[in-house]
C-alpha atoms as a PDB file:
ATOM      1  CA  MET A   1     104.627  90.179  75.107  1.00  0.00           C
ATOM      2  CA  ARG A   2     101.592  88.048  75.798  1.00  0.00           C
ATOM      3  CA  LYS A   3      98.245  89.082  74.379  1.00  0.00           C
ATOM      4  CA  GLY A   4      96.757  89.780  77.818  1.00  0.00           C
ATOM      5  CA  ASN A   5      99.683  92.007  78.787  1.00  0.00           C
ATOM      6  CA  LEU A   6      99.429  93.923  75.509  1.00  0.00           C
ATOM      7  CA  LYS A   7      95.707  94.484  76.037  1.00  0.00           C
ATOM      8  CA  GLY A   8      96.342  95.785  79.550  1.00  0.00           C
ATOM      9  CA  LEU A   9      99.072  98.100  78.288  1.00  0.00           C
ATOM     10  CA  ALA A  10      96.808  99.362  75.502  1.00  0.00           C
ATOM     11  CA  GLY A  11      94.156 100.201  78.091  1.00  0.00           C
ATOM     12  CA  THR A  12      96.650 101.980  80.326  1.00  0.00           C
ATOM     13  CA  VAL A  13      98.096 104.018  77.467  1.00  0.00           C
ATOM     14  CA  GLY A  14      94.611 104.770  76.152  1.00  0.00           C
ATOM     15  CA  ARG A  15      93.492 106.129  79.530  1.00  0.00           C
ATOM     16  CA  ALA A  16      96.639 108.270  79.746  1.00  0.00           C
ATOM     17  CA  ILE A  17      95.962 109.683  76.271  1.00  0.00           C
ATOM     18  CA  ALA A  18      92.348 110.438  77.206  1.00  0.00           C
ATOM     19  CA  ARG A  19      93.444 112.216  80.416  1.00  0.00           C
ATOM     20  CA  GLN A  20      96.040 114.293  78.563  1.00  0.00           C
ATOM     21  CA  ARG A  21      93.461 115.189  75.904  1.00  0.00           C
ATOM     22  CA  MET A  22      91.005 116.365  78.562  1.00  0.00           C
ATOM     23  CA  ARG A  23      93.713 118.289  80.445  1.00  0.00           C
ATOM     24  CA  ASN A  24      94.432 120.116  77.208  1.00  0.00           C
ATOM     25  CA  GLU A  25      90.704 120.736  76.728  1.00  0.00           C
ATOM     26  CA  LEU A  26      90.648 119.031  73.348  1.00  0.00           C
ATOM     27  CA  THR A  27      87.903 116.893  71.870  1.00  0.00           C
ATOM     28  CA  GLN A  28      88.543 113.560  70.213  1.00  0.00           C
ATOM     29  CA  GLU A  29      87.571 115.238  66.947  1.00  0.00           C
ATOM     30  CA  GLU A  30      90.233 117.942  67.375  1.00  0.00           C
ATOM     31  CA  VAL A  31      92.918 115.372  68.160  1.00  0.00           C
ATOM     32  CA  ALA A  32      91.828 113.206  65.230  1.00  0.00           C
ATOM     33  CA  GLU A  33      92.034 116.195  62.890  1.00  0.00           C
ATOM     34  CA  ARG A  34      95.563 117.026  64.052  1.00  0.00           C
ATOM     35  CA  LEU A  35      96.594 113.398  63.556  1.00  0.00           C
ATOM     36  CA  GLY A  36      94.897 113.153  60.169  1.00  0.00           C
ATOM     37  CA  VAL A  37      92.722 110.220  61.236  1.00  0.00           C
ATOM     38  CA  GLY A  38      89.042 109.644  61.898  1.00  0.00           C
ATOM     39  CA  ASN A  39      87.374 110.257  65.262  1.00  0.00           C
ATOM     40  CA  GLU A  40      86.792 106.539  65.718  1.00  0.00           C
ATOM     41  CA  ALA A  41      90.548 105.866  65.557  1.00  0.00           C
ATOM     42  CA  VAL A  42      91.181 108.158  68.538  1.00  0.00           C
ATOM     43  CA  SER A  43      88.229 106.649  70.386  1.00  0.00           C
ATOM     44  CA  ARG A  44      89.520 103.104  69.843  1.00  0.00           C
ATOM     45  CA  ILE A  45      92.972 104.083  71.132  1.00  0.00           C
ATOM     46  CA  GLU A  46      91.532 105.799  74.215  1.00  0.00           C
ATOM     47  CA  ARG A  47      89.363 102.765  74.972  1.00  0.00           C
ATOM     48  CA  GLY A  48      92.382 100.460  74.721  1.00  0.00           C
ATOM     49  CA  ILE A  49      91.072  98.554  71.735  1.00  0.00           C
ATOM     50  CA  VAL A  50      94.036  99.625  69.605  1.00  0.00           C
ATOM     51  CA  MET A  51      97.600 100.138  70.827  1.00  0.00           C
ATOM     52  CA  PRO A  52      99.241 103.119  69.118  1.00  0.00           C
ATOM     53  CA  ASN A  53     102.650 102.534  67.577  1.00  0.00           C
ATOM     54  CA  ILE A  54     105.677 104.548  68.704  1.00  0.00           C
ATOM     55  CA  ALA A  55     105.355 107.123  65.929  1.00  0.00           C
ATOM     56  CA  ARG A  56     101.711 107.740  66.833  1.00  0.00           C
ATOM     57  CA  LEU A  57     102.583 108.007  70.536  1.00  0.00           C
ATOM     58  CA  VAL A  58     105.114 110.715  69.676  1.00  0.00           C
ATOM     59  CA  GLU A  59     102.424 112.534  67.668  1.00  0.00           C
ATOM     60  CA  PHE A  60     100.025 112.396  70.617  1.00  0.00           C
ATOM     61  CA  ALA A  61     102.751 113.721  72.910  1.00  0.00           C
ATOM     62  CA  ALA A  62     103.451 116.627  70.551  1.00  0.00           C
ATOM     63  CA  ILE A  63      99.762 117.544  70.505  1.00  0.00           C
ATOM     64  CA  PHE A  64      99.561 117.448  74.298  1.00  0.00           C
ATOM     65  CA  GLY A  65     102.909 119.155  74.899  1.00  0.00           C
ATOM     66  CA  CYS A  66     104.309 116.276  76.932  1.00  0.00           C
ATOM     67  CA  ASP A  67     106.930 113.567  76.549  1.00  0.00           C
ATOM     68  CA  ALA A  68     105.884 110.282  74.961  1.00  0.00           C
ATOM     69  CA  ALA A  69     107.253 108.592  78.090  1.00  0.00           C
ATOM     70  CA  GLU A  70     104.582 110.372  80.137  1.00  0.00           C
ATOM     71  CA  LEU A  71     101.900 108.584  78.153  1.00  0.00           C
ATOM     72  CA  LEU A  72     103.530 105.252  78.989  1.00  0.00           C
ATOM     73  CA  THR A  73     104.262 105.932  82.652  1.00  0.00           C
ATOM     74  CA  GLU A  74     101.320 108.065  83.764  1.00  0.00           C
ATOM     75  CA  THR A  75      99.538 105.122  85.367  1.00  0.00           C
ATOM     76  CA  SER A  76     102.645 103.143  86.277  1.00  0.00           C
ATOM     77  CA  PRO A  77     102.697 101.530  89.731  1.00  0.00           C
ATOM     78  CA  ARG A  78     106.470 102.080  90.003  1.00  0.00           C
ATOM     79  CA  PRO A  79     107.420 104.605  92.702  1.00  0.00           C
ATOM     80  CA  ASN A  80     109.952 106.399  90.462  1.00  0.00           C
ATOM     81  CA  ASP A  81     107.354 106.913  87.727  1.00  0.00           C
ATOM     82  CA  GLN A  82     104.853 108.139  90.304  1.00  0.00           C
ATOM     83  CA  ALA A  83     107.442 110.517  91.781  1.00  0.00           C
ATOM     84  CA  ASN A  84     108.152 111.927  88.321  1.00  0.00           C
ATOM     85  CA  ARG A  85     104.448 112.484  87.783  1.00  0.00           C
ATOM     86  CA  ILE A  86     104.149 114.308  91.113  1.00  0.00           C
ATOM     87  CA  SER A  87     107.196 116.389  90.187  1.00  0.00           C
ATOM     88  CA  ARG A  88     105.566 117.492  86.928  1.00  0.00           C
ATOM     89  CA  LEU A  89     102.399 118.454  88.788  1.00  0.00           C
ATOM     90  CA  LEU A  90     104.323 120.390  91.435  1.00  0.00           C
ATOM     91  CA  ALA A  91     106.397 122.279  88.870  1.00  0.00           C
ATOM     92  CA  ALA A  92     103.387 124.356  87.843  1.00  0.00           C
ATOM     93  CA  LEU A  93     102.736 125.575  91.403  1.00  0.00           C
ATOM     94  CA  GLU A  94     104.079 128.432  93.490  1.00  0.00           C
ATOM     95  CA  PRO A  95     106.736 127.470  96.087  1.00  0.00           C
ATOM     96  CA  ALA A  96     104.355 127.913  99.044  1.00  0.00           C
ATOM     97  CA  ASP A  97     101.766 125.653  97.411  1.00  0.00           C
ATOM     98  CA  ARG A  98     104.416 123.017  96.622  1.00  0.00           C
ATOM     99  CA  GLN A  99     105.500 123.061 100.261  1.00  0.00           C
ATOM    100  CA  LEU A 100     101.906 122.646 101.447  1.00  0.00           C
ATOM    101  CA  ILE A 101     101.393 119.626  99.190  1.00  0.00           C
ATOM    102  CA  LEU A 102     104.678 118.067 100.323  1.00  0.00           C
ATOM    103  CA  GLU A 103     103.596 118.417 103.942  1.00  0.00           C
ATOM    104  CA  TRP A 104     100.267 116.733 103.141  1.00  0.00           C
ATOM    105  CA  ILE A 105     102.043 113.887 101.376  1.00  0.00           C
ATOM    106  CA  GLU A 106     104.429 113.412 104.310  1.00  0.00           C
ATOM    107  CA  GLN A 107     101.546 113.329 106.795  1.00  0.00           C
ATOM    108  CA  LEU A 108      99.529 110.940 104.657  1.00  0.00           C
ATOM    109  CA  ALA A 109     102.501 108.633 104.060  1.00  0.00           C
ATOM    110  CA  ALA A 110     103.271 108.567 107.793  1.00  0.00           C
ATOM    111  CA  ARG A 111      99.666 107.740 108.629  1.00  0.00           C
ATOM    112  CA  LEU A 112      99.358 105.026 106.005  1.00  0.00           C
ATOM    113  CA  GLY A 113     102.755 103.614 106.968  1.00  0.00           C
ATOM    114  CA  GLN A 114     101.449 102.934 110.486  1.00  0.00           C
ATOM    115  CA  LYS A 115      98.956 100.366 109.234  1.00  0.00           C
END
């Protein structure tokens, strides 16, 4: 992988880790403590300066209660990855709320598809 691609991937993964950390209402310090690293290490990963290795990605996922793949695909432009992300978000909702969101998505997609 070229250096530029790796840097972009590190930034994408770092943003996904930061979002998951905030969703779980954890501070960088709390995550760092659970990982057994310093606060700066978590900060550097979240800012995309350092790309975590696979083992570290799995540790992050365990802390956040998600799959490691979610950290890699959360910001993916691929429709299947985006659909999986929407599915995970919908799973936490009541059936009526899921239906409402699906209707909004259908209306929005139809409107945007006309352009």
